[in-house]
Amino acid sequence: MLTISLDQARQFMLVKQGLIGRHRFAGKDGAYRYVRQAGCIQFDPVDACGRNAELTLQSRVKGFRKQMLEELLKAPNPCRGQLLMTKVTSLYQPGGTRH
């Protein structure tokens, strides 16, 4: 059995998520490859300071631009099904009850 320290585990997770070190992903192809590697990212239609999916990709993919995500969502590819669609406004039904 392999044993690693807590610091090694943290380092691995940060590298795997593309949050430290050199950019491993770049451009539209990099955004596609990051989503494939991550398994999925949340796609939230609310844009207070940037949609969650855009912020996630922008922090990990060198040269990422918002329109790249739109192009990936419109293109027929396996990545499309890995974006989780979330509708924040539908959390509550009229009358204040959760559904």
PDB file of N, CA and C in Angstrom:
ATOM      1  N   MET A   1       0.842  -1.186   0.000  1.00  0.00           N
ATOM      2  CA  MET A   1       0.000   0.000   0.000  1.00  0.00           C
ATOM      3  C   MET A   1       0.884   1.245   0.000  1.00  0.00           C
ATOM      4  N   LEU A   2       0.520   2.209  -0.824  1.00  0.00           N
ATOM      5  CA  LEU A   2       1.249   3.472  -0.928  1.00  0.00           C
ATOM      6  C   LEU A   2       0.774   4.416   0.164  1.00  0.00           C
ATOM      7  N   THR A   3       1.707   5.024   0.849  1.00  0.00           N
ATOM      8  CA  THR A   3       1.374   6.002   1.885  1.00  0.00           C
ATOM      9  C   THR A   3       1.991   7.334   1.494  1.00  0.00           C
ATOM     10  N   ILE A   4       1.184   8.395   1.554  1.00  0.00           N
ATOM     11  CA  ILE A   4       1.694   9.733   1.268  1.00  0.00           C
ATOM     12  C   ILE A   4       1.319  10.652   2.424  1.00  0.00           C
ATOM     13  N   SER A   5       2.066  11.732   2.541  1.00  0.00           N
ATOM     14  CA  SER A   5       1.794  12.695   3.608  1.00  0.00           C
ATOM     15  C   SER A   5       0.633  13.601   3.197  1.00  0.00           C
ATOM     16  N   LEU A   6       0.103  14.322   4.167  1.00  0.00           N
ATOM     17  CA  LEU A   6      -0.968  15.275   3.897  1.00  0.00           C
ATOM     18  C   LEU A   6      -0.478  16.355   2.929  1.00  0.00           C
ATOM     19  N   ASP A   7       0.759  16.821   3.104  1.00  0.00           N
ATOM     20  CA  ASP A   7       1.319  17.819   2.188  1.00  0.00           C
ATOM     21  C   ASP A   7       1.444  17.274   0.769  1.00  0.00           C
ATOM     22  N   GLN A   8       1.836  16.021   0.619  1.00  0.00           N
ATOM     23  CA  GLN A   8       1.926  15.411  -0.713  1.00  0.00           C
ATOM     24  C   GLN A   8       0.538  15.285  -1.341  1.00  0.00           C
ATOM     25  N   ALA A   9      -0.451  14.936  -0.547  1.00  0.00           N
ATOM     26  CA  ALA A   9      -1.822  14.828  -1.048  1.00  0.00           C
ATOM     27  C   ALA A   9      -2.331  16.188  -1.514  1.00  0.00           C
ATOM     28  N   ARG A  10      -2.067  17.225  -0.729  1.00  0.00           N
ATOM     29  CA  ARG A  10      -2.474  18.584  -1.120  1.00  0.00           C
ATOM     30  C   ARG A  10      -1.801  18.992  -2.427  1.00  0.00           C
ATOM     31  N   GLN A  11      -0.503  18.748  -2.512  1.00  0.00           N
ATOM     32  CA  GLN A  11       0.258  19.098  -3.709  1.00  0.00           C
ATOM     33  C   GLN A  11      -0.314  18.375  -4.933  1.00  0.00           C
ATOM     34  N   PHE A  12      -0.598  17.095  -4.792  1.00  0.00           N
ATOM     35  CA  PHE A  12      -1.165  16.313  -5.891  1.00  0.00           C
ATOM     36  C   PHE A  12      -2.488  16.908  -6.355  1.00  0.00           C
ATOM     37  N   MET A  13      -3.375  17.226  -5.425  1.00  0.00           N
ATOM     38  CA  MET A  13      -4.697  17.749  -5.788  1.00  0.00           C
ATOM     39  C   MET A  13      -4.589  19.106  -6.492  1.00  0.00           C
ATOM     40  N   LEU A  14      -3.700  19.971  -6.023  1.00  0.00           N
ATOM     41  CA  LEU A  14      -3.527  21.277  -6.659  1.00  0.00           C
ATOM     42  C   LEU A  14      -2.952  21.146  -8.070  1.00  0.00           C
ATOM     43  N   VAL A  15      -1.995  20.244  -8.242  1.00  0.00           N
ATOM     44  CA  VAL A  15      -1.431  20.008  -9.574  1.00  0.00           C
ATOM     45  C   VAL A  15      -2.488  19.390 -10.486  1.00  0.00           C
ATOM     46  N   LYS A  16      -3.210  18.395 -10.002  1.00  0.00           N
ATOM     47  CA  LYS A  16      -4.240  17.716 -10.793  1.00  0.00           C
ATOM     48  C   LYS A  16      -5.323  18.679 -11.269  1.00  0.00           C
ATOM     49  N   GLN A  17      -5.675  19.645 -10.403  1.00  0.00           N
ATOM     50  CA  GLN A  17      -6.704  20.623 -10.753  1.00  0.00           C
ATOM     51  C   GLN A  17      -6.159  21.777 -11.583  1.00  0.00           C
ATOM     52  N   GLY A  18      -4.857  21.785 -11.816  1.00  0.00           N
ATOM     53  CA  GLY A  18      -4.258  22.840 -12.631  1.00  0.00           C
ATOM     54  C   GLY A  18      -4.166  24.174 -11.919  1.00  0.00           C
ATOM     55  N   LEU A  19      -4.080  24.146 -10.591  1.00  0.00           N
ATOM     56  CA  LEU A  19      -4.074  25.392  -9.827  1.00  0.00           C
ATOM     57  C   LEU A  19      -2.679  25.866  -9.427  1.00  0.00           C
ATOM     58  N   ILE A  20      -1.654  25.038  -9.602  1.00  0.00           N
ATOM     59  CA  ILE A  20      -0.284  25.474  -9.335  1.00  0.00           C
ATOM     60  C   ILE A  20       0.619  24.970 -10.455  1.00  0.00           C
ATOM     61  N   GLY A  21       1.769  25.611 -10.565  1.00  0.00           N
ATOM     62  CA  GLY A  21       2.702  25.209 -11.612  1.00  0.00           C
ATOM     63  C   GLY A  21       2.348  25.842 -12.944  1.00  0.00           C
ATOM     64  N   ARG A  22       3.025  25.374 -13.983  1.00  0.00           N
ATOM     65  CA  ARG A  22       2.766  25.885 -15.330  1.00  0.00           C
ATOM     66  C   ARG A  22       1.372  25.486 -15.781  1.00  0.00           C
ATOM     67  N   HIS A  23       0.805  26.297 -16.689  1.00  0.00           N
ATOM     68  CA  HIS A  23      -0.490  25.944 -17.269  1.00  0.00           C
ATOM     69  C   HIS A  23      -0.347  24.651 -18.064  1.00  0.00           C
ATOM     70  N   ARG A  24      -1.171  23.666 -17.762  1.00  0.00           N
ATOM     71  CA  ARG A  24      -1.174  22.422 -18.528  1.00  0.00           C
ATOM     72  C   ARG A  24      -2.227  22.453 -19.624  1.00  0.00           C
ATOM     73  N   PHE A  25      -3.115  23.412 -19.553  1.00  0.00           N
ATOM     74  CA  PHE A  25      -4.217  23.529 -20.507  1.00  0.00           C
ATOM     75  C   PHE A  25      -4.149  24.912 -21.148  1.00  0.00           C
ATOM     76  N   ALA A  26      -4.466  24.995 -22.440  1.00  0.00           N
ATOM     77  CA  ALA A  26      -4.430  26.284 -23.130  1.00  0.00           C
ATOM     78  C   ALA A  26      -5.491  26.325 -24.223  1.00  0.00           C
ATOM     79  N   GLY A  27      -6.151  27.472 -24.346  1.00  0.00           N
ATOM     80  CA  GLY A  27      -7.123  27.704 -25.415  1.00  0.00           C
ATOM     81  C   GLY A  27      -8.365  26.833 -25.319  1.00  0.00           C
ATOM     82  N   LYS A  28      -9.107  26.826 -26.411  1.00  0.00           N
ATOM     83  CA  LYS A  28     -10.367  26.076 -26.459  1.00  0.00           C
ATOM     84  C   LYS A  28     -10.127  24.580 -26.280  1.00  0.00           C
ATOM     85  N   ASP A  29      -9.097  24.049 -26.911  1.00  0.00           N
ATOM     86  CA  ASP A  29      -8.768  22.625 -26.751  1.00  0.00           C
ATOM     87  C   ASP A  29      -8.404  22.328 -25.303  1.00  0.00           C
ATOM     88  N   GLY A  30      -7.700  23.259 -24.665  1.00  0.00           N
ATOM     89  CA  GLY A  30      -7.344  23.085 -23.253  1.00  0.00           C
ATOM     90  C   GLY A  30      -8.565  23.085 -22.356  1.00  0.00           C
ATOM     91  N   ALA A  31      -9.547  23.951 -22.662  1.00  0.00           N
ATOM     92  CA  ALA A  31     -10.795  23.968 -21.881  1.00  0.00           C
ATOM     93  C   ALA A  31     -11.505  22.625 -22.017  1.00  0.00           C
ATOM     94  N   TYR A  32     -11.549  22.112 -23.234  1.00  0.00           N
ATOM     95  CA  TYR A  32     -12.160  20.802 -23.481  1.00  0.00           C
ATOM     96  C   TYR A  32     -11.428  19.709 -22.704  1.00  0.00           C
ATOM     97  N   ARG A  33     -10.086  19.715 -22.779  1.00  0.00           N
ATOM     98  CA  ARG A  33      -9.300  18.689 -22.088  1.00  0.00           C
ATOM     99  C   ARG A  33      -9.433  18.802 -20.576  1.00  0.00           C
ATOM    100  N   TYR A  34      -9.534  20.049 -20.037  1.00  0.00           N
ATOM    101  CA  TYR A  34      -9.707  20.197 -18.588  1.00  0.00           C
ATOM    102  C   TYR A  34     -11.042  19.602 -18.138  1.00  0.00           C
ATOM    103  N   VAL A  35     -12.118  19.897 -18.856  1.00  0.00           N
ATOM    104  CA  VAL A  35     -13.437  19.357 -18.481  1.00  0.00           C
ATOM    105  C   VAL A  35     -13.415  17.837 -18.551  1.00  0.00           C
ATOM    106  N   ARG A  36     -12.781  17.283 -19.575  1.00  0.00           N
ATOM    107  CA  ARG A  36     -12.662  15.821 -19.684  1.00  0.00           C
ATOM    108  C   ARG A  36     -11.898  15.245 -18.495  1.00  0.00           C
ATOM    109  N   GLN A  37     -10.807  15.901 -18.106  1.00  0.00           N
ATOM    110  CA  GLN A  37     -10.000  15.411 -16.991  1.00  0.00           C
ATOM    111  C   GLN A  37     -10.730  15.555 -15.662  1.00  0.00           C
ATOM    112  N   ALA A  38     -11.417  16.688 -15.476  1.00  0.00           N
ATOM    113  CA  ALA A  38     -12.127  16.935 -14.218  1.00  0.00           C
ATOM    114  C   ALA A  38     -13.362  16.045 -14.092  1.00  0.00           C
ATOM    115  N   GLY A  39     -13.914  15.624 -15.206  1.00  0.00           N
ATOM    116  CA  GLY A  39     -15.124  14.802 -15.171  1.00  0.00           C
ATOM    117  C   GLY A  39     -16.370  15.628 -15.397  1.00  0.00           C
ATOM    118  N   CYS A  40     -16.435  16.804 -14.784  1.00  0.00           N
ATOM    119  CA  CYS A  40     -17.545  17.730 -14.998  1.00  0.00           C
ATOM    120  C   CYS A  40     -17.202  19.052 -14.331  1.00  0.00           C
ATOM    121  N   ILE A  41     -17.863  20.103 -14.766  1.00  0.00           N
ATOM    122  CA  ILE A  41     -17.818  21.375 -14.070  1.00  0.00           C
ATOM    123  C   ILE A  41     -19.241  21.892 -13.999  1.00  0.00           C
ATOM    124  N   GLN A  42     -19.513  22.706 -13.013  1.00  0.00           N
ATOM    125  CA  GLN A  42     -20.863  23.247 -12.837  1.00  0.00           C
ATOM    126  C   GLN A  42     -21.069  24.396 -13.810  1.00  0.00           C
ATOM    127  N   PHE A  43     -22.171  24.359 -14.524  1.00  0.00           N
ATOM    128  CA  PHE A  43     -22.539  25.465 -15.406  1.00  0.00           C
ATOM    129  C   PHE A  43     -23.712  26.168 -14.767  1.00  0.00           C
ATOM    130  N   ASP A  44     -23.486  27.389 -14.294  1.00  0.00           N
ATOM    131  CA  ASP A  44     -24.489  28.159 -13.579  1.00  0.00           C
ATOM    132  C   ASP A  44     -24.836  29.388 -14.407  1.00  0.00           C
ATOM    133  N   PRO A  45     -26.108  29.607 -14.712  1.00  0.00           N
ATOM    134  CA  PRO A  45     -26.470  30.745 -15.558  1.00  0.00           C
ATOM    135  C   PRO A  45     -26.309  32.105 -14.885  1.00  0.00           C
ATOM    136  N   VAL A  46     -26.152  32.165 -13.562  1.00  0.00           N
ATOM    137  CA  VAL A  46     -26.001  33.443 -12.864  1.00  0.00           C
ATOM    138  C   VAL A  46     -24.608  34.002 -13.147  1.00  0.00           C
ATOM    139  N   ASP A  47     -24.552  35.286 -13.502  1.00  0.00           N
ATOM    140  CA  ASP A  47     -23.279  35.920 -13.858  1.00  0.00           C
ATOM    141  C   ASP A  47     -23.095  37.193 -13.041  1.00  0.00           C
ATOM    142  N   ALA A  48     -22.826  37.050 -11.738  1.00  0.00           N
ATOM    143  CA  ALA A  48     -22.598  38.219 -10.892  1.00  0.00           C
ATOM    144  C   ALA A  48     -21.216  38.818 -11.169  1.00  0.00           C
ATOM    145  N   CYS A  49     -20.190  37.987 -11.176  1.00  0.00           N
ATOM    146  CA  CYS A  49     -18.829  38.458 -11.479  1.00  0.00           C
ATOM    147  C   CYS A  49     -18.176  37.504 -12.474  1.00  0.00           C
ATOM    148  N   GLY A  50     -18.983  36.748 -13.157  1.00  0.00           N
ATOM    149  CA  GLY A  50     -18.516  35.724 -14.084  1.00  0.00           C
ATOM    150  C   GLY A  50     -19.179  34.407 -13.714  1.00  0.00           C
ATOM    151  N   ARG A  51     -19.630  33.656 -14.694  1.00  0.00           N
ATOM    152  CA  ARG A  51     -20.267  32.375 -14.393  1.00  0.00           C
ATOM    153  C   ARG A  51     -19.243  31.405 -13.840  1.00  0.00           C
ATOM    154  N   ASN A  52     -19.688  30.531 -12.960  1.00  0.00           N
ATOM    155  CA  ASN A  52     -18.793  29.597 -12.276  1.00  0.00           C
ATOM    156  C   ASN A  52     -17.922  28.815 -13.250  1.00  0.00           C
ATOM    157  N   ALA A  53     -18.506  28.298 -14.312  1.00  0.00           N
ATOM    158  CA  ALA A  53     -17.738  27.504 -15.274  1.00  0.00           C
ATOM    159  C   ALA A  53     -16.643  28.356 -15.926  1.00  0.00           C
ATOM    160  N   GLU A  54     -16.968  29.618 -16.237  1.00  0.00           N
ATOM    161  CA  GLU A  54     -15.977  30.508 -16.844  1.00  0.00           C
ATOM    162  C   GLU A  54     -14.836  30.803 -15.868  1.00  0.00           C
ATOM    163  N   LEU A  55     -15.176  31.055 -14.601  1.00  0.00           N
ATOM    164  CA  LEU A  55     -14.154  31.330 -13.592  1.00  0.00           C
ATOM    165  C   LEU A  55     -13.268  30.104 -13.367  1.00  0.00           C
ATOM    166  N   THR A  56     -13.885  28.924 -13.344  1.00  0.00           N
ATOM    167  CA  THR A  56     -13.125  27.684 -13.175  1.00  0.00           C
ATOM    168  C   THR A  56     -12.127  27.508 -14.311  1.00  0.00           C
ATOM    169  N   LEU A  57     -12.597  27.666 -15.536  1.00  0.00           N
ATOM    170  CA  LEU A  57     -11.718  27.479 -16.692  1.00  0.00           C
ATOM    171  C   LEU A  57     -10.686  28.604 -16.810  1.00  0.00           C
ATOM    172  N   GLN A  58     -11.093  29.830 -16.496  1.00  0.00           N
ATOM    173  CA  GLN A  58     -10.174  30.957 -16.596  1.00  0.00           C
ATOM    174  C   GLN A  58      -8.976  30.798 -15.654  1.00  0.00           C
ATOM    175  N   SER A  59      -9.205  30.201 -14.481  1.00  0.00           N
ATOM    176  CA  SER A  59      -8.116  30.032 -13.524  1.00  0.00           C
ATOM    177  C   SER A  59      -7.201  28.857 -13.877  1.00  0.00           C
ATOM    178  N   ARG A  60      -7.613  28.005 -14.807  1.00  0.00           N
ATOM    179  CA  ARG A  60      -6.846  26.797 -15.106  1.00  0.00           C
ATOM    180  C   ARG A  60      -6.374  26.691 -16.547  1.00  0.00           C
ATOM    181  N   VAL A  61      -6.992  27.431 -17.455  1.00  0.00           N
ATOM    182  CA  VAL A  61      -6.706  27.285 -18.884  1.00  0.00           C
ATOM    183  C   VAL A  61      -6.102  28.578 -19.422  1.00  0.00           C
ATOM    184  N   LYS A  62      -4.859  28.512 -19.853  1.00  0.00           N
ATOM    185  CA  LYS A  62      -4.168  29.688 -20.385  1.00  0.00           C
ATOM    186  C   LYS A  62      -4.880  30.183 -21.644  1.00  0.00           C
ATOM    187  N   GLY A  63      -5.176  31.474 -21.678  1.00  0.00           N
ATOM    188  CA  GLY A  63      -5.805  32.075 -22.851  1.00  0.00           C
ATOM    189  C   GLY A  63      -7.297  31.809 -22.967  1.00  0.00           C
ATOM    190  N   PHE A  64      -7.934  31.311 -21.901  1.00  0.00           N
ATOM    191  CA  PHE A  64      -9.375  31.014 -21.975  1.00  0.00           C
ATOM    192  C   PHE A  64     -10.166  32.305 -22.170  1.00  0.00           C
ATOM    193  N   ARG A  65     -11.170  32.250 -23.046  1.00  0.00           N
ATOM    194  CA  ARG A  65     -12.104  33.354 -23.262  1.00  0.00           C
ATOM    195  C   ARG A  65     -13.522  32.816 -23.140  1.00  0.00           C
ATOM    196  N   LYS A  66     -14.441  33.666 -22.698  1.00  0.00           N
ATOM    197  CA  LYS A  66     -15.830  33.254 -22.447  1.00  0.00           C
ATOM    198  C   LYS A  66     -16.470  32.553 -23.647  1.00  0.00           C
ATOM    199  N   GLN A  67     -16.226  33.046 -24.849  1.00  0.00           N
ATOM    200  CA  GLN A  67     -16.882  32.458 -26.020  1.00  0.00           C
ATOM    201  C   GLN A  67     -16.444  31.018 -26.276  1.00  0.00           C
ATOM    202  N   MET A  68     -15.287  30.617 -25.739  1.00  0.00           N
ATOM    203  CA  MET A  68     -14.831  29.231 -25.909  1.00  0.00           C
ATOM    204  C   MET A  68     -15.806  28.263 -25.252  1.00  0.00           C
ATOM    205  N   LEU A  69     -16.298  28.626 -24.069  1.00  0.00           N
ATOM    206  CA  LEU A  69     -17.258  27.771 -23.373  1.00  0.00           C
ATOM    207  C   LEU A  69     -18.548  27.652 -24.177  1.00  0.00           C
ATOM    208  N   GLU A  70     -19.024  28.779 -24.699  1.00  0.00           N
ATOM    209  CA  GLU A  70     -20.233  28.755 -25.524  1.00  0.00           C
ATOM    210  C   GLU A  70     -20.046  27.856 -26.741  1.00  0.00           C
ATOM    211  N   GLU A  71     -18.879  27.938 -27.375  1.00  0.00           N
ATOM    212  CA  GLU A  71     -18.596  27.096 -28.539  1.00  0.00           C
ATOM    213  C   GLU A  71     -18.565  25.624 -28.153  1.00  0.00           C
ATOM    214  N   LEU A  72     -17.979  25.307 -27.003  1.00  0.00           N
ATOM    215  CA  LEU A  72     -17.938  23.916 -26.557  1.00  0.00           C
ATOM    216  C   LEU A  72     -19.335  23.392 -26.240  1.00  0.00           C
ATOM    217  N   LEU A  73     -20.185  24.252 -25.665  1.00  0.00           N
ATOM    218  CA  LEU A  73     -21.549  23.831 -25.341  1.00  0.00           C
ATOM    219  C   LEU A  73     -22.378  23.584 -26.596  1.00  0.00           C
ATOM    220  N   LYS A  74     -22.124  24.333 -27.645  1.00  0.00           N
ATOM    221  CA  LYS A  74     -22.896  24.198 -28.885  1.00  0.00           C
ATOM    222  C   LYS A  74     -22.387  23.073 -29.777  1.00  0.00           C
ATOM    223  N   ALA A  75     -21.114  22.727 -29.638  1.00  0.00           N
ATOM    224  CA  ALA A  75     -20.516  21.711 -30.502  1.00  0.00           C
ATOM    225  C   ALA A  75     -20.959  20.309 -30.090  1.00  0.00           C
ATOM    226  N   PRO A  76     -21.171  19.422 -31.063  1.00  0.00           N
ATOM    227  CA  PRO A  76     -21.500  18.035 -30.727  1.00  0.00           C
ATOM    228  C   PRO A  76     -20.227  17.296 -30.311  1.00  0.00           C
ATOM    229  N   ASN A  77     -19.999  17.216 -29.001  1.00  0.00           N
ATOM    230  CA  ASN A  77     -18.812  16.516 -28.508  1.00  0.00           C
ATOM    231  C   ASN A  77     -19.092  15.913 -27.137  1.00  0.00           C
ATOM    232  N   PRO A  78     -18.271  14.977 -26.703  1.00  0.00           N
ATOM    233  CA  PRO A  78     -18.497  14.315 -25.415  1.00  0.00           C
ATOM    234  C   PRO A  78     -18.413  15.262 -24.224  1.00  0.00           C
ATOM    235  N   CYS A  79     -17.714  16.372 -24.362  1.00  0.00           N
ATOM    236  CA  CYS A  79     -17.548  17.337 -23.271  1.00  0.00           C
ATOM    237  C   CYS A  79     -18.882  17.938 -22.865  1.00  0.00           C
ATOM    238  N   ARG A  80     -19.768  18.108 -23.807  1.00  0.00           N
ATOM    239  CA  ARG A  80     -21.035  18.795 -23.561  1.00  0.00           C
ATOM    240  C   ARG A  80     -21.825  18.152 -22.426  1.00  0.00           C
ATOM    241  N   GLY A  81     -21.862  16.851 -22.371  1.00  0.00           N
ATOM    242  CA  GLY A  81     -22.607  16.157 -21.332  1.00  0.00           C
ATOM    243  C   GLY A  81     -21.957  16.241 -19.970  1.00  0.00           C
ATOM    244  N   GLN A  82     -20.719  16.703 -19.896  1.00  0.00           N
ATOM    245  CA  GLN A  82     -20.019  16.782 -18.622  1.00  0.00           C
ATOM    246  C   GLN A  82     -20.182  18.130 -17.942  1.00  0.00           C
ATOM    247  N   LEU A  83     -20.889  19.059 -18.562  1.00  0.00           N
ATOM    248  CA  LEU A  83     -21.163  20.341 -17.930  1.00  0.00           C
ATOM    249  C   LEU A  83     -22.494  20.226 -17.203  1.00  0.00           C
ATOM    250  N   LEU A  84     -22.488  20.465 -15.916  1.00  0.00           N
ATOM    251  CA  LEU A  84     -23.715  20.357 -15.136  1.00  0.00           C
ATOM    252  C   LEU A  84     -24.521  21.635 -15.269  1.00  0.00           C
ATOM    253  N   MET A  85     -25.750  21.513 -15.732  1.00  0.00           N
ATOM    254  CA  MET A  85     -26.615  22.680 -15.841  1.00  0.00           C
ATOM    255  C   MET A  85     -27.338  22.878 -14.513  1.00  0.00           C
ATOM    256  N   THR A  86     -27.230  24.067 -13.961  1.00  0.00           N
ATOM    257  CA  THR A  86     -27.832  24.379 -12.670  1.00  0.00           C
ATOM    258  C   THR A  86     -28.702  25.609 -12.824  1.00  0.00           C
ATOM    259  N   LYS A  87     -29.919  25.509 -12.379  1.00  0.00           N
ATOM    260  CA  LYS A  87     -30.807  26.660 -12.411  1.00  0.00           C
ATOM    261  C   LYS A  87     -31.050  27.111 -10.984  1.00  0.00           C
ATOM    262  N   VAL A  88     -30.328  28.117 -10.569  1.00  0.00           N
ATOM    263  CA  VAL A  88     -30.415  28.611  -9.202  1.00  0.00           C
ATOM    264  C   VAL A  88     -31.812  29.112  -8.888  1.00  0.00           C
ATOM    265  N   THR A  89     -32.461  29.738  -9.852  1.00  0.00           N
ATOM    266  CA  THR A  89     -33.773  30.330  -9.600  1.00  0.00           C
ATOM    267  C   THR A  89     -34.861  29.290  -9.368  1.00  0.00           C
ATOM    268  N   SER A  90     -34.620  28.024  -9.685  1.00  0.00           N
ATOM    269  CA  SER A  90     -35.661  27.011  -9.520  1.00  0.00           C
ATOM    270  C   SER A  90     -35.537  26.238  -8.212  1.00  0.00           C
ATOM    271  N   LEU A  91     -34.727  26.723  -7.255  1.00  0.00           N
ATOM    272  CA  LEU A  91     -34.580  26.017  -5.987  1.00  0.00           C
ATOM    273  C   LEU A  91     -35.855  26.037  -5.160  1.00  0.00           C
ATOM    274  N   TYR A  92     -36.610  27.109  -5.272  1.00  0.00           N
ATOM    275  CA  TYR A  92     -37.799  27.246  -4.437  1.00  0.00           C
ATOM    276  C   TYR A  92     -39.040  27.363  -5.312  1.00  0.00           C
ATOM    277  N   GLN A  93     -40.084  26.709  -4.879  1.00  0.00           N
ATOM    278  CA  GLN A  93     -41.360  26.817  -5.563  1.00  0.00           C
ATOM    279  C   GLN A  93     -42.081  28.064  -5.039  1.00  0.00           C
ATOM    280  N   PRO A  94     -43.086  28.560  -5.743  1.00  0.00           N
ATOM    281  CA  PRO A  94     -43.869  29.679  -5.209  1.00  0.00           C
ATOM    282  C   PRO A  94     -44.425  29.313  -3.831  1.00  0.00           C
ATOM    283  N   GLY A  95     -44.411  30.267  -2.939  1.00  0.00           N
ATOM    284  CA  GLY A  95     -44.888  30.008  -1.582  1.00  0.00           C
ATOM    285  C   GLY A  95     -43.740  29.706  -0.629  1.00  0.00           C
ATOM    286  N   GLY A  96     -42.513  29.684  -1.130  1.00  0.00           N
ATOM    287  CA  GLY A  96     -41.342  29.535  -0.282  1.00  0.00           C
ATOM    288  C   GLY A  96     -40.979  28.117   0.090  1.00  0.00           C
ATOM    289  N   THR A  97     -41.634  27.109  -0.461  1.00  0.00           N
ATOM    290  CA  THR A  97     -41.278  25.734  -0.109  1.00  0.00           C
ATOM    291  C   THR A  97     -40.236  25.193  -1.055  1.00  0.00           C
ATOM    292  N   ARG A  98     -39.317  24.460  -0.497  1.00  0.00           N
ATOM    293  CA  ARG A  98     -38.288  23.830  -1.341  1.00  0.00           C
ATOM    294  C   ARG A  98     -38.879  22.617  -2.027  1.00  0.00           C
ATOM    295  N   HIS A  99     -38.424  22.339  -3.216  1.00  0.00           N
ATOM    296  CA  HIS A  99     -38.842  21.115  -3.893  1.00  0.00           C
ATOM    297  C   HIS A  99     -37.660  20.267  -4.227  1.00  0.00           C
TER     298      HIS A  99
END
